[in-house]
Amino acid sequence: MTEHPDLAGLQRRLAEFAAARNWQPYHTPKNLVAALSVEASELVEIFQWLTPEESARVMDDPDTAHRVTDEVADVLAYLLQLCEVLGIDPLTALSAKIDRNERRFPAPGADDTP
């Protein structure tokens, strides 16, 4: 059984993969955002004409599950590469965004005092 990968390790592997192929000149923020958009669109394409019920069962079909998993991986790979190039810590960014959303959209009854 392999160890559960960590975010920094995955970003390092992606950087090493790109460096070994001399792809760094192409990994500009503009290009990475475009690639991220394309991969996200490929994920959307899988769900495009499914009903809500069908979409909830998408992982039941092994072939479709494999496609979804691959597209999720592609989206995450480009997002992690973009974060690396821009110097963004994705986990810190997400945590800060959740904090802002919790303040912006309080849960019903959260401000009620007894």
N, C-alpha and C. Protein backbone atom coordinates (compact mmCIF):
# COMPACT_ATOMS: atom_id res chain seq x y z
N MET A 1 0.85 -1.18 0.00
CA MET A 1 0.00 0.00 0.00
C MET A 1 0.89 1.25 0.00
N THR A 2 0.56 2.21 -0.84
CA THR A 2 1.37 3.43 -0.92
C THR A 2 0.89 4.43 0.13
N GLU A 3 1.82 5.28 0.53
CA GLU A 3 1.51 6.31 1.50
C GLU A 3 0.61 7.36 0.86
N HIS A 4 -0.29 7.92 1.67
CA HIS A 4 -1.18 8.97 1.19
C HIS A 4 -0.34 10.19 0.79
N PRO A 5 -0.47 10.67 -0.44
CA PRO A 5 0.37 11.79 -0.88
C PRO A 5 0.00 13.09 -0.17
N ASP A 6 1.00 13.95 0.01
CA ASP A 6 0.74 15.26 0.59
C ASP A 6 0.81 16.31 -0.52
N LEU A 7 0.23 17.45 -0.24
CA LEU A 7 0.12 18.51 -1.25
C LEU A 7 1.49 18.98 -1.74
N ALA A 8 2.39 19.24 -0.81
CA ALA A 8 3.72 19.72 -1.20
C ALA A 8 4.45 18.68 -2.05
N GLY A 9 4.31 17.42 -1.70
CA GLY A 9 4.93 16.36 -2.48
C GLY A 9 4.37 16.27 -3.89
N LEU A 10 3.07 16.44 -4.01
CA LEU A 10 2.45 16.41 -5.34
C LEU A 10 2.91 17.61 -6.17
N GLN A 11 2.99 18.78 -5.56
CA GLN A 11 3.47 19.95 -6.29
C GLN A 11 4.91 19.75 -6.74
N ARG A 12 5.72 19.15 -5.88
CA ARG A 12 7.12 18.87 -6.24
C ARG A 12 7.18 17.89 -7.40
N ARG A 13 6.36 16.83 -7.37
CA ARG A 13 6.35 15.86 -8.47
C ARG A 13 5.92 16.50 -9.78
N LEU A 14 4.92 17.37 -9.72
CA LEU A 14 4.47 18.06 -10.93
C LEU A 14 5.58 18.96 -11.48
N ALA A 15 6.27 19.66 -10.60
CA ALA A 15 7.37 20.54 -11.04
C ALA A 15 8.50 19.72 -11.65
N GLU A 16 8.84 18.60 -11.03
CA GLU A 16 9.89 17.74 -11.56
C GLU A 16 9.50 17.14 -12.90
N PHE A 17 8.24 16.76 -13.04
CA PHE A 17 7.73 16.21 -14.30
C PHE A 17 7.88 17.24 -15.42
N ALA A 18 7.46 18.48 -15.13
CA ALA A 18 7.55 19.55 -16.13
C ALA A 18 9.01 19.88 -16.44
N ALA A 19 9.85 19.93 -15.42
CA ALA A 19 11.27 20.26 -15.61
C ALA A 19 11.97 19.21 -16.47
N ALA A 20 11.66 17.95 -16.25
CA ALA A 20 12.29 16.87 -17.00
C ALA A 20 11.96 16.94 -18.49
N ARG A 21 10.88 17.63 -18.81
CA ARG A 21 10.43 17.75 -20.20
C ARG A 21 10.65 19.16 -20.75
N ASN A 22 11.30 20.00 -19.95
CA ASN A 22 11.55 21.40 -20.33
C ASN A 22 10.27 22.16 -20.65
N TRP A 23 9.23 21.92 -19.84
CA TRP A 23 7.94 22.57 -20.06
C TRP A 23 7.78 23.86 -19.29
N GLN A 24 8.74 24.22 -18.42
CA GLN A 24 8.57 25.41 -17.60
C GLN A 24 8.28 26.68 -18.40
N PRO A 25 8.92 26.89 -19.57
CA PRO A 25 8.61 28.12 -20.31
C PRO A 25 7.13 28.23 -20.70
N TYR A 26 6.45 27.11 -20.80
CA TYR A 26 5.05 27.11 -21.19
C TYR A 26 4.11 27.22 -20.00
N HIS A 27 4.64 27.03 -18.80
CA HIS A 27 3.81 27.04 -17.60
C HIS A 27 3.71 28.45 -17.01
N THR A 28 3.20 29.34 -17.85
CA THR A 28 2.93 30.71 -17.41
C THR A 28 1.55 30.72 -16.75
N PRO A 29 1.28 31.71 -15.92
CA PRO A 29 -0.06 31.77 -15.33
C PRO A 29 -1.17 31.74 -16.38
N LYS A 30 -1.00 32.49 -17.46
CA LYS A 30 -2.01 32.51 -18.53
C LYS A 30 -2.24 31.13 -19.12
N ASN A 31 -1.18 30.43 -19.44
CA ASN A 31 -1.31 29.10 -20.04
C ASN A 31 -1.90 28.09 -19.05
N LEU A 32 -1.48 28.18 -17.80
CA LEU A 32 -1.99 27.25 -16.80
C LEU A 32 -3.47 27.47 -16.53
N VAL A 33 -3.90 28.74 -16.50
CA VAL A 33 -5.32 29.03 -16.31
C VAL A 33 -6.13 28.52 -17.51
N ALA A 34 -5.60 28.70 -18.70
CA ALA A 34 -6.30 28.20 -19.88
C ALA A 34 -6.42 26.68 -19.84
N ALA A 35 -5.35 26.00 -19.49
CA ALA A 35 -5.37 24.54 -19.40
C ALA A 35 -6.33 24.08 -18.30
N LEU A 36 -6.35 24.80 -17.19
CA LEU A 36 -7.26 24.48 -16.10
C LEU A 36 -8.71 24.60 -16.57
N SER A 37 -9.00 25.63 -17.31
CA SER A 37 -10.35 25.83 -17.85
C SER A 37 -10.75 24.70 -18.80
N VAL A 38 -9.83 24.30 -19.65
CA VAL A 38 -10.10 23.21 -20.59
C VAL A 38 -10.41 21.92 -19.83
N GLU A 39 -9.58 21.62 -18.83
CA GLU A 39 -9.79 20.38 -18.07
C GLU A 39 -11.09 20.43 -17.27
N ALA A 40 -11.42 21.60 -16.71
CA ALA A 40 -12.69 21.73 -16.00
C ALA A 40 -13.86 21.53 -16.96
N SER A 41 -13.71 22.04 -18.17
CA SER A 41 -14.76 21.85 -19.19
C SER A 41 -14.91 20.38 -19.57
N GLU A 42 -13.80 19.66 -19.61
CA GLU A 42 -13.89 18.23 -19.91
C GLU A 42 -14.62 17.49 -18.78
N LEU A 43 -14.47 17.94 -17.56
CA LEU A 43 -15.21 17.37 -16.44
C LEU A 43 -16.70 17.71 -16.57
N VAL A 44 -16.99 18.94 -16.91
CA VAL A 44 -18.38 19.36 -17.11
C VAL A 44 -19.04 18.52 -18.21
N GLU A 45 -18.29 18.25 -19.27
CA GLU A 45 -18.83 17.51 -20.41
C GLU A 45 -19.38 16.15 -19.98
N ILE A 46 -18.75 15.50 -19.03
CA ILE A 46 -19.21 14.19 -18.56
C ILE A 46 -20.61 14.29 -17.95
N PHE A 47 -20.87 15.39 -17.26
CA PHE A 47 -22.13 15.58 -16.54
C PHE A 47 -23.19 16.34 -17.33
N GLN A 48 -22.80 16.90 -18.46
CA GLN A 48 -23.61 17.88 -19.17
C GLN A 48 -25.07 17.48 -19.36
N TRP A 49 -25.34 16.30 -19.83
CA TRP A 49 -26.72 15.93 -20.17
C TRP A 49 -27.32 14.93 -19.18
N LEU A 50 -26.68 14.75 -18.04
CA LEU A 50 -27.21 13.84 -17.04
C LEU A 50 -28.28 14.55 -16.20
N THR A 51 -29.25 13.77 -15.76
CA THR A 51 -30.21 14.31 -14.80
C THR A 51 -29.51 14.43 -13.45
N PRO A 52 -30.07 15.17 -12.51
CA PRO A 52 -29.47 15.22 -11.17
C PRO A 52 -29.30 13.82 -10.56
N GLU A 53 -30.27 12.97 -10.78
CA GLU A 53 -30.20 11.60 -10.25
C GLU A 53 -29.07 10.80 -10.91
N GLU A 54 -28.95 10.92 -12.22
CA GLU A 54 -27.87 10.23 -12.93
C GLU A 54 -26.50 10.75 -12.49
N SER A 55 -26.42 12.05 -12.28
CA SER A 55 -25.13 12.62 -11.88
C SER A 55 -24.72 12.13 -10.50
N ALA A 56 -25.68 11.87 -9.63
CA ALA A 56 -25.37 11.37 -8.29
C ALA A 56 -24.85 9.93 -8.34
N ARG A 57 -25.15 9.22 -9.42
CA ARG A 57 -24.71 7.82 -9.56
C ARG A 57 -23.55 7.66 -10.55
N VAL A 58 -22.90 8.74 -10.93
CA VAL A 58 -21.90 8.71 -11.99
C VAL A 58 -20.73 7.77 -11.67
N MET A 59 -20.42 7.62 -10.40
CA MET A 59 -19.29 6.77 -10.02
C MET A 59 -19.65 5.29 -9.99
N ASP A 60 -20.91 4.96 -10.23
CA ASP A 60 -21.34 3.56 -10.25
C ASP A 60 -20.86 2.81 -11.49
N ASP A 61 -20.67 3.54 -12.59
CA ASP A 61 -20.19 2.94 -13.83
C ASP A 61 -18.68 3.04 -13.86
N PRO A 62 -17.96 1.91 -13.91
CA PRO A 62 -16.49 1.95 -13.84
C PRO A 62 -15.84 2.81 -14.92
N ASP A 63 -16.35 2.75 -16.15
CA ASP A 63 -15.74 3.55 -17.23
C ASP A 63 -15.93 5.05 -16.98
N THR A 64 -17.14 5.43 -16.60
CA THR A 64 -17.40 6.84 -16.32
C THR A 64 -16.65 7.29 -15.08
N ALA A 65 -16.60 6.45 -14.07
CA ALA A 65 -15.87 6.77 -12.84
C ALA A 65 -14.40 7.03 -13.15
N HIS A 66 -13.83 6.24 -14.04
CA HIS A 66 -12.43 6.41 -14.42
C HIS A 66 -12.24 7.76 -15.12
N ARG A 67 -13.17 8.11 -16.01
CA ARG A 67 -13.08 9.40 -16.72
C ARG A 67 -13.19 10.56 -15.75
N VAL A 68 -14.15 10.48 -14.82
CA VAL A 68 -14.34 11.55 -13.83
C VAL A 68 -13.08 11.70 -12.99
N THR A 69 -12.56 10.58 -12.51
CA THR A 69 -11.35 10.60 -11.68
C THR A 69 -10.18 11.22 -12.42
N ASP A 70 -9.99 10.85 -13.68
CA ASP A 70 -8.90 11.42 -14.48
C ASP A 70 -9.06 12.92 -14.68
N GLU A 71 -10.28 13.37 -14.95
CA GLU A 71 -10.49 14.81 -15.17
C GLU A 71 -10.32 15.59 -13.87
N VAL A 72 -10.77 15.03 -12.75
CA VAL A 72 -10.54 15.69 -11.46
C VAL A 72 -9.04 15.82 -11.22
N ALA A 73 -8.30 14.77 -11.52
CA ALA A 73 -6.84 14.81 -11.35
C ALA A 73 -6.22 15.88 -12.25
N ASP A 74 -6.68 15.98 -13.49
CA ASP A 74 -6.15 17.00 -14.41
C ASP A 74 -6.43 18.41 -13.89
N VAL A 75 -7.66 18.64 -13.42
CA VAL A 75 -8.02 19.96 -12.88
C VAL A 75 -7.13 20.28 -11.68
N LEU A 76 -6.98 19.33 -10.78
CA LEU A 76 -6.15 19.57 -9.59
C LEU A 76 -4.69 19.79 -9.96
N ALA A 77 -4.19 19.04 -10.93
CA ALA A 77 -2.79 19.20 -11.34
C ALA A 77 -2.53 20.61 -11.86
N TYR A 78 -3.40 21.10 -12.73
CA TYR A 78 -3.19 22.45 -13.26
C TYR A 78 -3.40 23.51 -12.18
N LEU A 79 -4.34 23.30 -11.27
CA LEU A 79 -4.54 24.25 -10.19
C LEU A 79 -3.32 24.30 -9.28
N LEU A 80 -2.76 23.13 -8.95
CA LEU A 80 -1.57 23.10 -8.10
C LEU A 80 -0.37 23.75 -8.80
N GLN A 81 -0.24 23.51 -10.10
CA GLN A 81 0.86 24.14 -10.84
C GLN A 81 0.69 25.66 -10.89
N LEU A 82 -0.54 26.12 -11.06
CA LEU A 82 -0.80 27.56 -11.06
C LEU A 82 -0.45 28.15 -9.70
N CYS A 83 -0.85 27.49 -8.63
CA CYS A 83 -0.51 27.96 -7.28
C CYS A 83 0.99 28.03 -7.08
N GLU A 84 1.70 27.04 -7.58
CA GLU A 84 3.16 27.02 -7.45
C GLU A 84 3.79 28.21 -8.18
N VAL A 85 3.35 28.45 -9.40
CA VAL A 85 3.90 29.55 -10.21
C VAL A 85 3.60 30.91 -9.58
N LEU A 86 2.41 31.05 -8.98
CA LEU A 86 2.02 32.34 -8.42
C LEU A 86 2.39 32.50 -6.95
N GLY A 87 2.92 31.44 -6.35
CA GLY A 87 3.31 31.53 -4.94
C GLY A 87 2.12 31.52 -3.99
N ILE A 88 1.07 30.83 -4.36
CA ILE A 88 -0.13 30.73 -3.51
C ILE A 88 -0.10 29.39 -2.79
N ASP A 89 -0.31 29.42 -1.48
CA ASP A 89 -0.49 28.19 -0.71
C ASP A 89 -1.97 27.85 -0.81
N PRO A 90 -2.34 26.81 -1.56
CA PRO A 90 -3.76 26.55 -1.81
C PRO A 90 -4.55 26.22 -0.55
N LEU A 91 -3.94 25.55 0.41
CA LEU A 91 -4.67 25.21 1.64
C LEU A 91 -4.90 26.45 2.50
N THR A 92 -3.93 27.33 2.57
CA THR A 92 -4.10 28.58 3.30
C THR A 92 -5.14 29.45 2.62
N ALA A 93 -5.09 29.51 1.29
CA ALA A 93 -6.07 30.30 0.53
C ALA A 93 -7.48 29.77 0.77
N LEU A 94 -7.64 28.46 0.75
CA LEU A 94 -8.97 27.87 0.96
C LEU A 94 -9.46 28.13 2.38
N SER A 95 -8.58 27.97 3.36
CA SER A 95 -8.97 28.21 4.75
C SER A 95 -9.43 29.66 4.94
N ALA A 96 -8.68 30.61 4.37
CA ALA A 96 -9.05 32.01 4.48
C ALA A 96 -10.38 32.29 3.79
N LYS A 97 -10.61 31.65 2.66
CA LYS A 97 -11.87 31.84 1.93
C LYS A 97 -13.05 31.28 2.72
N ILE A 98 -12.87 30.13 3.36
CA ILE A 98 -13.94 29.57 4.20
C ILE A 98 -14.23 30.51 5.35
N ASP A 99 -13.18 31.06 5.97
CA ASP A 99 -13.36 32.04 7.06
C ASP A 99 -14.21 33.22 6.58
N ARG A 100 -13.86 33.77 5.40
CA ARG A 100 -14.62 34.91 4.86
C ARG A 100 -16.06 34.53 4.58
N ASN A 101 -16.26 33.33 4.01
CA ASN A 101 -17.62 32.90 3.70
C ASN A 101 -18.45 32.66 4.96
N GLU A 102 -17.82 32.18 6.02
CA GLU A 102 -18.54 31.98 7.28
C GLU A 102 -19.02 33.32 7.84
N ARG A 103 -18.21 34.36 7.70
CA ARG A 103 -18.63 35.69 8.15
C ARG A 103 -19.67 36.28 7.21
N ARG A 104 -19.49 36.05 5.93
CA ARG A 104 -20.39 36.63 4.92
C ARG A 104 -21.75 35.95 4.90
N PHE A 105 -21.76 34.64 5.11
CA PHE A 105 -22.99 33.86 5.06
C PHE A 105 -23.17 33.07 6.35
N PRO A 106 -23.53 33.76 7.45
CA PRO A 106 -23.67 33.04 8.71
C PRO A 106 -24.80 32.00 8.63
N ALA A 107 -24.62 30.93 9.36
CA ALA A 107 -25.64 29.88 9.40
C ALA A 107 -26.90 30.45 10.04
N PRO A 108 -28.08 30.03 9.57
CA PRO A 108 -29.32 30.51 10.18
C PRO A 108 -29.31 30.23 11.68
N GLY A 109 -29.65 31.27 12.44
CA GLY A 109 -29.70 31.12 13.89
C GLY A 109 -28.36 31.27 14.57
N ALA A 110 -27.28 31.44 13.81
CA ALA A 110 -25.94 31.55 14.41
C ALA A 110 -25.78 32.81 15.22
N ASP A 111 -26.51 33.87 14.86
CA ASP A 111 -26.38 35.13 15.59
C ASP A 111 -27.43 35.30 16.68
N ASP A 112 -28.30 34.32 16.83
CA ASP A 112 -29.33 34.40 17.86
C ASP A 112 -28.70 34.23 19.23
N THR A 113 -29.02 35.12 20.12
CA THR A 113 -28.54 34.99 21.50
C THR A 113 -29.71 34.61 22.39
N PRO A 114 -29.52 33.67 23.31
CA PRO A 114 -30.64 33.24 24.17
C PRO A 114 -31.05 34.29 25.17
